[in-house]
Amino acid sequence: MSGTRPGPVPLPSGPAPADRRRRRALPAVRLLCTDLDGTLLDSGGAIGERTLGTLAEAARAGVAVVGVTGRPVRDTLHVTRRYGLTGPVVCSNGAVTVDAGSGRLLDCRGFGPADAVGLLRALRAAVPGIGVGVDSVAGLRLETRFARLEPDPWDHVPLEEGAVPAEGDPVVKILAAHPELPVDELSEALAPVVGDRAVITRSTGAFLELSAPGVDKGEALLRLARQRGLPPENTAAVGDMPNDIPMLRAAGLAAAVANAHEDTLRAADIVLPSNDDEGVAALIRLVLPRTLTGEACCI
């Protein structure tokens, strides 16, 4: 779904700015897609007890709650298995879908091998000093330069200059960082080189993420809705970072947690409590009564 949304309505209820006091029909939600880090997960990387309770309520009401994250597969499965979550989970900004319990691959939309090699070479040539990483179905490979710029908790193997994962291990996301350029400036520098060969986004202020053309969280939400026979109007999405914006734009109801990036807040219909205050639980509690009755209300 495209077009300009009205300004977000804050939750819990309270006086919104005058230019944002609009009434809007709230759809009966059958599919709710949520980002993980900074959204479903608190600052310690955990799902709160209240949120776990509302996830169970949603399941009983027939509402599918699906994680849609920028995390690689293995790091996503650490979360889903820790909490016994089931059903599909979408990883790497929409590129990979796996079963949350077994890890079985359900869908993969990555770069072709030649495209990945060419793009990596172009990035290095365009911005001297850039560090890159390659996210694939099987694992994460980081150049030493990238790993130094962003000491990370992820398991990874070193990526030699100019190398990509072996044939048969699709590249689903390319990471890029620079020791001197902030991510916004790095994005501007890379945009002319990348062109339509990739989608540039970010889920952190530390590095950029490049996905194959047509791959983003919004496309993933629409695909999940089609698989369930749902129109976009019966979906909701919640996130915090710019890589969540396509998902918010695609959904019938767009929500952002209070700690979200300013661009993400502008893309939202409603603003929830922060991730540390379990904003996703507030969203589920908001939509469940409407879903159970099949009636819309107003916010």
C-alpha atoms as a PDB file:
ATOM      1  CA  MET A   1       0.000   0.000   0.000  1.00  0.00           C
ATOM      2  CA  SER A   2       1.422   3.373  -0.943  1.00  0.00           C
ATOM      3  CA  GLY A   3       0.646   7.008  -0.434  1.00  0.00           C
ATOM      4  CA  THR A   4       1.085   9.480   2.406  1.00  0.00           C
ATOM      5  CA  ARG A   5      -0.289   8.431   5.778  1.00  0.00           C
ATOM      6  CA  PRO A   6      -1.760  10.837   8.310  1.00  0.00           C
ATOM      7  CA  GLY A   7       0.415  11.552  11.323  1.00  0.00           C
ATOM      8  CA  PRO A   8       0.774   8.846  13.989  1.00  0.00           C
ATOM      9  CA  VAL A   9      -1.528   8.627  16.985  1.00  0.00           C
ATOM     10  CA  PRO A  10       0.330   8.034  20.266  1.00  0.00           C
ATOM     11  CA  LEU A  11      -0.548   5.123  22.571  1.00  0.00           C
ATOM     12  CA  PRO A  12      -1.463   4.860  25.372  1.00  0.00           C
ATOM     13  CA  SER A  13      -4.186   7.398  24.714  1.00  0.00           C
ATOM     14  CA  GLY A  14      -3.367  10.995  25.423  1.00  0.00           C
ATOM     15  CA  PRO A  15      -3.555  14.311  23.655  1.00  0.00           C
ATOM     16  CA  ALA A  16      -1.918  14.074  20.261  1.00  0.00           C
ATOM     17  CA  PRO A  17      -0.594  17.189  18.511  1.00  0.00           C
ATOM     18  CA  ALA A  18      -3.469  19.134  16.982  1.00  0.00           C
ATOM     19  CA  ASP A  19      -2.444  18.310  13.425  1.00  0.00           C
ATOM     20  CA  ARG A  20      -2.469  14.603  14.260  1.00  0.00           C
ATOM     21  CA  ARG A  21      -5.892  14.378  15.876  1.00  0.00           C
ATOM     22  CA  ARG A  22      -7.543  12.350  13.151  1.00  0.00           C
ATOM     23  CA  ARG A  23      -9.921   9.450  13.405  1.00  0.00           C
ATOM     24  CA  ARG A  24      -8.972   6.403  11.380  1.00  0.00           C
ATOM     25  CA  ALA A  25     -10.677   3.049  10.929  1.00  0.00           C
ATOM     26  CA  LEU A  26      -8.734   0.229  12.556  1.00  0.00           C
ATOM     27  CA  PRO A  27      -8.865  -2.973  10.474  1.00  0.00           C
ATOM     28  CA  ALA A  28      -9.600  -6.473  11.708  1.00  0.00           C
ATOM     29  CA  VAL A  29      -6.026  -7.755  11.795  1.00  0.00           C
ATOM     30  CA  ARG A  30      -5.314 -11.385  10.856  1.00  0.00           C
ATOM     31  CA  LEU A  31      -1.557 -11.037  10.256  1.00  0.00           C
ATOM     32  CA  LEU A  32       0.787  -8.971  12.409  1.00  0.00           C
ATOM     33  CA  CYS A  33       4.415  -8.665  11.326  1.00  0.00           C
ATOM     34  CA  THR A  34       6.896  -7.457  13.918  1.00  0.00           C
ATOM     35  CA  ASP A  35      10.537  -6.524  13.806  1.00  0.00           C
ATOM     36  CA  LEU A  36      12.686  -8.149  16.500  1.00  0.00           C
ATOM     37  CA  ASP A  37      15.568  -5.973  17.745  1.00  0.00           C
ATOM     38  CA  GLY A  38      14.376  -2.685  19.185  1.00  0.00           C
ATOM     39  CA  THR A  39      10.737  -3.723  18.757  1.00  0.00           C
ATOM     40  CA  LEU A  40       9.623  -7.160  19.984  1.00  0.00           C
ATOM     41  CA  LEU A  41      12.843  -7.590  21.982  1.00  0.00           C
ATOM     42  CA  ASP A  42      13.757  -5.269  24.830  1.00  0.00           C
ATOM     43  CA  SER A  43      17.168  -3.647  25.196  1.00  0.00           C
ATOM     44  CA  GLY A  44      18.479  -6.814  26.817  1.00  0.00           C
ATOM     45  CA  GLY A  45      17.372  -8.954  23.872  1.00  0.00           C
ATOM     46  CA  ALA A  46      14.448 -10.571  25.717  1.00  0.00           C
ATOM     47  CA  ILE A  47      10.698 -10.824  25.116  1.00  0.00           C
ATOM     48  CA  GLY A  48       8.790  -9.512  28.127  1.00  0.00           C
ATOM     49  CA  GLU A  49       6.311 -11.626  30.048  1.00  0.00           C
ATOM     50  CA  ARG A  50       3.387  -9.405  29.110  1.00  0.00           C
ATOM     51  CA  THR A  51       4.302  -9.691  25.446  1.00  0.00           C
ATOM     52  CA  LEU A  52       4.609 -13.473  25.670  1.00  0.00           C
ATOM     53  CA  GLY A  53       1.122 -13.556  27.143  1.00  0.00           C
ATOM     54  CA  THR A  54      -0.349 -11.486  24.325  1.00  0.00           C
ATOM     55  CA  LEU A  55       1.415 -13.633  21.722  1.00  0.00           C
ATOM     56  CA  ALA A  56      -0.414 -16.628  23.187  1.00  0.00           C
ATOM     57  CA  GLU A  57      -3.698 -14.683  23.109  1.00  0.00           C
ATOM     58  CA  ALA A  58      -3.126 -13.813  19.462  1.00  0.00           C
ATOM     59  CA  ALA A  59      -2.498 -17.447  18.569  1.00  0.00           C
ATOM     60  CA  ARG A  60      -5.729 -18.509  20.266  1.00  0.00           C
ATOM     61  CA  ALA A  61      -7.610 -15.805  18.352  1.00  0.00           C
ATOM     62  CA  GLY A  62      -6.226 -16.992  15.026  1.00  0.00           C
ATOM     63  CA  VAL A  63      -3.960 -13.986  14.486  1.00  0.00           C
ATOM     64  CA  ALA A  64      -0.607 -14.926  12.967  1.00  0.00           C
ATOM     65  CA  VAL A  65       2.252 -12.963  14.531  1.00  0.00           C
ATOM     66  CA  VAL A  66       5.352 -13.308  12.350  1.00  0.00           C
ATOM     67  CA  GLY A  67       8.824 -12.006  13.075  1.00  0.00           C
ATOM     68  CA  VAL A  68      10.319 -10.097  10.135  1.00  0.00           C
ATOM     69  CA  THR A  69      13.888  -9.150  10.962  1.00  0.00           C
ATOM     70  CA  GLY A  70      17.172  -8.024   9.500  1.00  0.00           C
ATOM     71  CA  ARG A  71      18.939 -10.691  11.546  1.00  0.00           C
ATOM     72  CA  PRO A  72      20.623 -13.602   9.776  1.00  0.00           C
ATOM     73  CA  VAL A  73      18.949 -16.996  10.084  1.00  0.00           C
ATOM     74  CA  ARG A  74      21.097 -18.440  12.869  1.00  0.00           C
ATOM     75  CA  ASP A  75      20.704 -15.371  15.110  1.00  0.00           C
ATOM     76  CA  THR A  76      16.958 -15.301  14.490  1.00  0.00           C
ATOM     77  CA  LEU A  77      16.638 -18.956  15.460  1.00  0.00           C
ATOM     78  CA  HIS A  78      18.416 -18.248  18.746  1.00  0.00           C
ATOM     79  CA  VAL A  79      15.430 -16.069  19.655  1.00  0.00           C
ATOM     80  CA  THR A  80      12.623 -18.242  18.296  1.00  0.00           C
ATOM     81  CA  ARG A  81      13.958 -21.412  19.901  1.00  0.00           C
ATOM     82  CA  ARG A  82      14.615 -19.707  23.220  1.00  0.00           C
ATOM     83  CA  TYR A  83      10.930 -18.815  23.473  1.00  0.00           C
ATOM     84  CA  GLY A  84       9.461 -21.813  21.693  1.00  0.00           C
ATOM     85  CA  LEU A  85       8.012 -19.709  18.881  1.00  0.00           C
ATOM     86  CA  THR A  86       6.523 -21.577  15.935  1.00  0.00           C
ATOM     87  CA  GLY A  87       5.514 -20.896  12.348  1.00  0.00           C
ATOM     88  CA  PRO A  88       7.464 -18.969   9.726  1.00  0.00           C
ATOM     89  CA  VAL A  89       9.994 -16.266  10.536  1.00  0.00           C
ATOM     90  CA  VAL A  90      11.469 -13.933   7.926  1.00  0.00           C
ATOM     91  CA  CYS A  91      15.186 -13.116   8.166  1.00  0.00           C
ATOM     92  CA  SER A  92      17.745 -10.894   6.419  1.00  0.00           C
ATOM     93  CA  ASN A  93      15.271  -8.088   5.646  1.00  0.00           C
ATOM     94  CA  GLY A  94      12.882 -10.349   3.743  1.00  0.00           C
ATOM     95  CA  ALA A  95      15.382 -12.482   1.846  1.00  0.00           C
ATOM     96  CA  VAL A  96      15.051 -15.746   3.782  1.00  0.00           C
ATOM     97  CA  THR A  97      12.051 -17.419   5.400  1.00  0.00           C
ATOM     98  CA  VAL A  98      12.536 -20.413   7.678  1.00  0.00           C
ATOM     99  CA  ASP A  99      10.460 -22.451  10.088  1.00  0.00           C
ATOM    100  CA  ALA A 100      10.984 -20.896  13.512  1.00  0.00           C
ATOM    101  CA  GLY A 101      11.322 -24.232  15.259  1.00  0.00           C
ATOM    102  CA  SER A 102      13.163 -26.548  12.888  1.00  0.00           C
ATOM    103  CA  GLY A 103      15.044 -23.932  10.873  1.00  0.00           C
ATOM    104  CA  ARG A 104      13.835 -25.568   7.643  1.00  0.00           C
ATOM    105  CA  LEU A 105      14.302 -23.265   4.657  1.00  0.00           C
ATOM    106  CA  LEU A 106      10.946 -22.141   3.237  1.00  0.00           C
ATOM    107  CA  ASP A 107      11.956 -19.357   0.851  1.00  0.00           C
ATOM    108  CA  CYS A 108      15.149 -17.660  -0.354  1.00  0.00           C
ATOM    109  CA  ARG A 109      15.488 -14.500  -2.472  1.00  0.00           C
ATOM    110  CA  GLY A 110      19.151 -13.538  -2.724  1.00  0.00           C
ATOM    111  CA  PHE A 111      21.741 -12.278  -5.179  1.00  0.00           C
ATOM    112  CA  GLY A 112      22.979 -14.354  -8.076  1.00  0.00           C
ATOM    113  CA  PRO A 113      26.659 -15.354  -7.588  1.00  0.00           C
ATOM    114  CA  ALA A 114      27.942 -13.098 -10.376  1.00  0.00           C
ATOM    115  CA  ASP A 115      25.799 -10.202  -9.162  1.00  0.00           C
ATOM    116  CA  ALA A 116      27.180 -10.537  -5.634  1.00  0.00           C
ATOM    117  CA  VAL A 117      30.794 -10.639  -6.830  1.00  0.00           C
ATOM    118  CA  GLY A 118      30.278  -7.636  -9.100  1.00  0.00           C
ATOM    119  CA  LEU A 119      28.562  -5.614  -6.401  1.00  0.00           C
ATOM    120  CA  LEU A 120      31.274  -6.308  -3.834  1.00  0.00           C
ATOM    121  CA  ARG A 121      33.955  -5.224  -6.275  1.00  0.00           C
ATOM    122  CA  ALA A 122      32.014  -2.066  -7.131  1.00  0.00           C
ATOM    123  CA  LEU A 123      31.619  -1.134  -3.459  1.00  0.00           C
ATOM    124  CA  ARG A 124      35.334  -1.511  -2.793  1.00  0.00           C
ATOM    125  CA  ALA A 125      36.270   0.488  -5.881  1.00  0.00           C
ATOM    126  CA  ALA A 126      33.809   3.295  -5.150  1.00  0.00           C
ATOM    127  CA  VAL A 127      34.748   3.979  -1.524  1.00  0.00           C
ATOM    128  CA  PRO A 128      38.345   3.209  -0.487  1.00  0.00           C
ATOM    129  CA  GLY A 129      38.580   1.890   3.051  1.00  0.00           C
ATOM    130  CA  ILE A 130      35.104   0.362   3.033  1.00  0.00           C
ATOM    131  CA  GLY A 131      34.602  -2.862   4.961  1.00  0.00           C
ATOM    132  CA  VAL A 132      32.056  -5.426   3.813  1.00  0.00           C
ATOM    133  CA  GLY A 133      30.307  -8.515   5.074  1.00  0.00           C
ATOM    134  CA  VAL A 134      28.297 -11.209   3.333  1.00  0.00           C
ATOM    135  CA  ASP A 135      25.210 -12.798   4.869  1.00  0.00           C
ATOM    136  CA  SER A 136      24.299 -16.146   3.319  1.00  0.00           C
ATOM    137  CA  VAL A 137      21.912 -18.946   4.144  1.00  0.00           C
ATOM    138  CA  ALA A 138      24.688 -21.028   5.694  1.00  0.00           C
ATOM    139  CA  GLY A 139      26.536 -18.351   7.617  1.00  0.00           C
ATOM    140  CA  LEU A 140      28.001 -14.889   7.989  1.00  0.00           C
ATOM    141  CA  ARG A 141      31.344 -13.876   6.501  1.00  0.00           C
ATOM    142  CA  LEU A 142      32.941 -10.583   7.467  1.00  0.00           C
ATOM    143  CA  GLU A 143      36.019  -8.866   6.165  1.00  0.00           C
ATOM    144  CA  THR A 144      38.476  -8.203   8.957  1.00  0.00           C
ATOM    145  CA  ARG A 145      38.087  -4.485   8.242  1.00  0.00           C
ATOM    146  CA  PHE A 146      34.322  -4.687   8.765  1.00  0.00           C
ATOM    147  CA  ALA A 147      34.680  -6.734  11.949  1.00  0.00           C
ATOM    148  CA  ARG A 148      37.051  -4.112  13.378  1.00  0.00           C
ATOM    149  CA  LEU A 149      34.577  -1.337  12.616  1.00  0.00           C
ATOM    150  CA  GLU A 150      31.657  -3.173  14.182  1.00  0.00           C
ATOM    151  CA  PRO A 151      32.745  -5.649  16.865  1.00  0.00           C
ATOM    152  CA  ASP A 152      29.730  -7.926  16.824  1.00  0.00           C
ATOM    153  CA  PRO A 153      28.294 -10.810  18.835  1.00  0.00           C
ATOM    154  CA  TRP A 154      27.553 -12.893  15.743  1.00  0.00           C
ATOM    155  CA  ASP A 155      29.440 -16.035  14.889  1.00  0.00           C
ATOM    156  CA  HIS A 156      31.229 -15.484  11.595  1.00  0.00           C
ATOM    157  CA  VAL A 157      34.135 -16.594   9.459  1.00  0.00           C
ATOM    158  CA  PRO A 158      36.694 -14.233   7.884  1.00  0.00           C
ATOM    159  CA  LEU A 159      35.963 -12.992   4.379  1.00  0.00           C
ATOM    160  CA  GLU A 160      39.035 -12.474   2.221  1.00  0.00           C
ATOM    161  CA  GLU A 161      39.154  -9.434  -0.054  1.00  0.00           C
ATOM    162  CA  GLY A 162      37.125 -10.138  -3.184  1.00  0.00           C
ATOM    163  CA  ALA A 163      35.734 -13.459  -1.945  1.00  0.00           C
ATOM    164  CA  VAL A 164      32.095 -14.491  -1.603  1.00  0.00           C
ATOM    165  CA  PRO A 165      30.538 -17.651  -0.149  1.00  0.00           C
ATOM    166  CA  ALA A 166      30.976 -20.856  -2.052  1.00  0.00           C
ATOM    167  CA  GLU A 167      28.679 -21.825  -4.886  1.00  0.00           C
ATOM    168  CA  GLY A 168      25.411 -23.239  -3.618  1.00  0.00           C
ATOM    169  CA  ASP A 169      25.339 -20.906  -0.594  1.00  0.00           C
ATOM    170  CA  PRO A 170      23.242 -17.938  -1.796  1.00  0.00           C
ATOM    171  CA  VAL A 171      24.226 -14.413  -0.765  1.00  0.00           C
ATOM    172  CA  VAL A 172      21.116 -12.878   0.779  1.00  0.00           C
ATOM    173  CA  LYS A 173      22.518  -9.616   2.139  1.00  0.00           C
ATOM    174  CA  ILE A 174      25.692  -7.547   1.830  1.00  0.00           C
ATOM    175  CA  LEU A 175      26.852  -5.373   4.733  1.00  0.00           C
ATOM    176  CA  ALA A 176      28.985  -2.242   4.380  1.00  0.00           C
ATOM    177  CA  ALA A 177      30.669   0.107   6.859  1.00  0.00           C
ATOM    178  CA  HIS A 178      33.363   2.770   6.750  1.00  0.00           C
ATOM    179  CA  PRO A 179      35.700   4.043   9.486  1.00  0.00           C
ATOM    180  CA  GLU A 180      35.107   7.718   8.667  1.00  0.00           C
ATOM    181  CA  LEU A 181      31.760   8.004   6.884  1.00  0.00           C
ATOM    182  CA  PRO A 182      28.494   7.909   8.881  1.00  0.00           C
ATOM    183  CA  VAL A 183      25.950   5.552   7.385  1.00  0.00           C
ATOM    184  CA  ASP A 184      23.913   8.340   5.779  1.00  0.00           C
ATOM    185  CA  GLU A 185      26.993   9.678   3.975  1.00  0.00           C
ATOM    186  CA  LEU A 186      28.097   6.181   3.019  1.00  0.00           C
ATOM    187  CA  SER A 187      24.649   5.515   1.579  1.00  0.00           C
ATOM    188  CA  GLU A 188      24.861   8.674  -0.529  1.00  0.00           C
ATOM    189  CA  ALA A 189      28.312   7.688  -1.777  1.00  0.00           C
ATOM    190  CA  LEU A 190      27.218   4.169  -2.728  1.00  0.00           C
ATOM    191  CA  ALA A 191      23.815   4.955  -4.241  1.00  0.00           C
ATOM    192  CA  PRO A 192      25.118   5.918  -7.721  1.00  0.00           C
ATOM    193  CA  VAL A 193      27.296   2.794  -7.847  1.00  0.00           C
ATOM    194  CA  VAL A 194      24.610   0.445  -6.583  1.00  0.00           C
ATOM    195  CA  GLY A 195      21.834   1.865  -8.764  1.00  0.00           C
ATOM    196  CA  ASP A 196      19.109  -0.727  -9.261  1.00  0.00           C
ATOM    197  CA  ARG A 197      21.415  -3.650  -8.473  1.00  0.00           C
ATOM    198  CA  ALA A 198      20.408  -3.651  -4.805  1.00  0.00           C
ATOM    199  CA  VAL A 199      18.170  -2.077  -2.173  1.00  0.00           C
ATOM    200  CA  ILE A 200      20.115  -0.054   0.417  1.00  0.00           C
ATOM    201  CA  THR A 201      18.740   0.202   3.951  1.00  0.00           C
ATOM    202  CA  ARG A 202      19.846  -0.027   7.577  1.00  0.00           C
ATOM    203  CA  SER A 203      18.686  -1.405  10.893  1.00  0.00           C
ATOM    204  CA  THR A 204      21.488   0.208  12.921  1.00  0.00           C
ATOM    205  CA  GLY A 205      23.584   3.335  12.875  1.00  0.00           C
ATOM    206  CA  ALA A 206      26.742   1.285  12.403  1.00  0.00           C
ATOM    207  CA  PHE A 207      26.467  -0.173   8.893  1.00  0.00           C
ATOM    208  CA  LEU A 208      24.412  -0.404   5.710  1.00  0.00           C
ATOM    209  CA  GLU A 209      22.546  -3.458   4.439  1.00  0.00           C
ATOM    210  CA  LEU A 210      22.124  -4.240   0.746  1.00  0.00           C
ATOM    211  CA  SER A 211      19.445  -6.664  -0.439  1.00  0.00           C
ATOM    212  CA  ALA A 212      18.665  -8.027  -3.887  1.00  0.00           C
ATOM    213  CA  PRO A 213      16.281  -5.929  -6.020  1.00  0.00           C
ATOM    214  CA  GLY A 214      12.674  -6.292  -4.904  1.00  0.00           C
ATOM    215  CA  VAL A 215      13.619  -7.762  -1.531  1.00  0.00           C
ATOM    216  CA  ASP A 216      12.481  -5.863   1.549  1.00  0.00           C
ATOM    217  CA  LYS A 217      10.264  -6.328   4.573  1.00  0.00           C
ATOM    218  CA  GLY A 218       7.236  -4.879   2.812  1.00  0.00           C
ATOM    219  CA  GLU A 219       7.437  -7.442   0.036  1.00  0.00           C
ATOM    220  CA  ALA A 220       7.741 -10.128   2.711  1.00  0.00           C
ATOM    221  CA  LEU A 221       4.578  -8.933   4.477  1.00  0.00           C
ATOM    222  CA  LEU A 222       2.596  -8.919   1.242  1.00  0.00           C
ATOM    223  CA  ARG A 223       3.856 -12.401   0.381  1.00  0.00           C
ATOM    224  CA  LEU A 224       2.825 -13.718   3.805  1.00  0.00           C
ATOM    225  CA  ALA A 225      -0.600 -12.109   3.380  1.00  0.00           C
ATOM    226  CA  ARG A 226      -1.108 -13.663  -0.062  1.00  0.00           C
ATOM    227  CA  GLN A 227      -0.201 -17.082   1.302  1.00  0.00           C
ATOM    228  CA  ARG A 228      -3.015 -16.666   3.830  1.00  0.00           C
ATOM    229  CA  GLY A 229      -5.503 -15.242   1.343  1.00  0.00           C
ATOM    230  CA  LEU A 230      -5.524 -11.890   3.141  1.00  0.00           C
ATOM    231  CA  PRO A 231      -5.740  -8.412   1.645  1.00  0.00           C
ATOM    232  CA  PRO A 232      -3.195  -5.887   2.969  1.00  0.00           C
ATOM    233  CA  GLU A 233      -6.010  -4.162   4.861  1.00  0.00           C
ATOM    234  CA  ASN A 234      -6.121  -7.079   7.301  1.00  0.00           C
ATOM    235  CA  THR A 235      -2.444  -6.818   8.218  1.00  0.00           C
ATOM    236  CA  ALA A 236      -0.476  -4.793  10.741  1.00  0.00           C
ATOM    237  CA  ALA A 237       3.235  -4.123  11.089  1.00  0.00           C
ATOM    238  CA  VAL A 238       5.425  -2.681  13.826  1.00  0.00           C
ATOM    239  CA  GLY A 239       9.071  -1.656  13.776  1.00  0.00           C
ATOM    240  CA  ASP A 240      11.678   0.868  14.816  1.00  0.00           C
ATOM    241  CA  MET A 241      14.285   1.410  12.077  1.00  0.00           C
ATOM    242  CA  PRO A 242      14.359   2.552   8.431  1.00  0.00           C
ATOM    243  CA  ASN A 243      14.511  -1.040   7.157  1.00  0.00           C
ATOM    244  CA  ASP A 244      11.023  -1.469   8.682  1.00  0.00           C
ATOM    245  CA  ILE A 245       9.474   1.368   6.671  1.00  0.00           C
ATOM    246  CA  PRO A 246       8.558  -0.730   3.583  1.00  0.00           C
ATOM    247  CA  MET A 247       6.738  -3.139   5.908  1.00  0.00           C
ATOM    248  CA  LEU A 248       4.838  -0.304   7.576  1.00  0.00           C
ATOM    249  CA  ARG A 249       3.869   1.145   4.201  1.00  0.00           C
ATOM    250  CA  ALA A 250       2.608  -2.231   2.987  1.00  0.00           C
ATOM    251  CA  ALA A 251       0.465  -2.963   6.051  1.00  0.00           C
ATOM    252  CA  GLY A 252      -3.123  -1.992   6.702  1.00  0.00           C
ATOM    253  CA  LEU A 253      -2.089  -0.652  10.115  1.00  0.00           C
ATOM    254  CA  ALA A 254       1.414   0.739  10.643  1.00  0.00           C
ATOM    255  CA  ALA A 255       2.840   1.066  14.150  1.00  0.00           C
ATOM    256  CA  ALA A 256       6.169   2.240  15.520  1.00  0.00           C
ATOM    257  CA  VAL A 257       7.538   1.848  19.021  1.00  0.00           C
ATOM    258  CA  ALA A 258       8.340   5.084  20.851  1.00  0.00           C
ATOM    259  CA  ASN A 259      12.084   4.477  20.582  1.00  0.00           C
ATOM    260  CA  ALA A 260      11.909   4.300  16.776  1.00  0.00           C
ATOM    261  CA  HIS A 261      14.005   6.268  14.304  1.00  0.00           C
ATOM    262  CA  GLU A 262      12.345   9.563  13.325  1.00  0.00           C
ATOM    263  CA  ASP A 263      11.769   8.389   9.748  1.00  0.00           C
ATOM    264  CA  THR A 264      10.004   5.276  11.012  1.00  0.00           C
ATOM    265  CA  LEU A 265       7.829   7.321  13.353  1.00  0.00           C
ATOM    266  CA  ARG A 266       6.720   9.435  10.401  1.00  0.00           C
ATOM    267  CA  ALA A 267       5.689   6.300   8.491  1.00  0.00           C
ATOM    268  CA  ALA A 268       3.447   5.057  11.318  1.00  0.00           C
ATOM    269  CA  ASP A 269      -0.280   5.421  11.945  1.00  0.00           C
ATOM    270  CA  ILE A 270       0.188   4.911  15.685  1.00  0.00           C
ATOM    271  CA  VAL A 271       3.074   5.218  18.124  1.00  0.00           C
ATOM    272  CA  LEU A 272       3.270   2.527  20.790  1.00  0.00           C
ATOM    273  CA  PRO A 273       5.155   2.448  24.074  1.00  0.00           C
ATOM    274  CA  SER A 274       8.850   1.671  23.659  1.00  0.00           C
ATOM    275  CA  ASN A 275      10.299  -1.797  23.223  1.00  0.00           C
ATOM    276  CA  ASP A 276      11.368  -1.751  26.884  1.00  0.00           C
ATOM    277  CA  ASP A 277       7.760  -0.947  27.820  1.00  0.00           C
ATOM    278  CA  GLU A 278       6.489  -3.850  25.656  1.00  0.00           C
ATOM    279  CA  GLY A 279       4.894  -1.806  22.915  1.00  0.00           C
ATOM    280  CA  VAL A 280       4.123  -4.901  20.832  1.00  0.00           C
ATOM    281  CA  ALA A 281       1.922  -6.180  23.663  1.00  0.00           C
ATOM    282  CA  ALA A 282      -0.010  -2.899  23.514  1.00  0.00           C
ATOM    283  CA  LEU A 283      -0.513  -3.330  19.768  1.00  0.00           C
ATOM    284  CA  ILE A 284      -1.792  -6.889  20.120  1.00  0.00           C
ATOM    285  CA  ARG A 285      -4.190  -5.801  22.867  1.00  0.00           C
ATOM    286  CA  LEU A 286      -5.404  -3.014  20.605  1.00  0.00           C
ATOM    287  CA  VAL A 287      -6.145  -5.160  17.563  1.00  0.00           C
ATOM    288  CA  LEU A 288      -7.424  -8.370  19.171  1.00  0.00           C
ATOM    289  CA  PRO A 289     -10.927  -7.142  20.140  1.00  0.00           C
ATOM    290  CA  ARG A 290     -11.471  -5.873  16.588  1.00  0.00           C
ATOM    291  CA  THR A 291     -10.254  -9.133  15.133  1.00  0.00           C
ATOM    292  CA  LEU A 292     -12.499 -11.251  17.358  1.00  0.00           C
ATOM    293  CA  THR A 293     -15.612  -9.256  16.435  1.00  0.00           C
ATOM    294  CA  GLY A 294     -14.608  -8.647  12.816  1.00  0.00           C
ATOM    295  CA  GLU A 295     -15.492  -4.994  13.288  1.00  0.00           C
ATOM    296  CA  ALA A 296     -13.385  -1.919  12.757  1.00  0.00           C
ATOM    297  CA  CYS A 297     -13.097   0.874  15.282  1.00  0.00           C
ATOM    298  CA  CYS A 298     -11.368   4.219  15.172  1.00  0.00           C
ATOM    299  CA  ILE A 299      -8.104   5.492  16.584  1.00  0.00           C
END
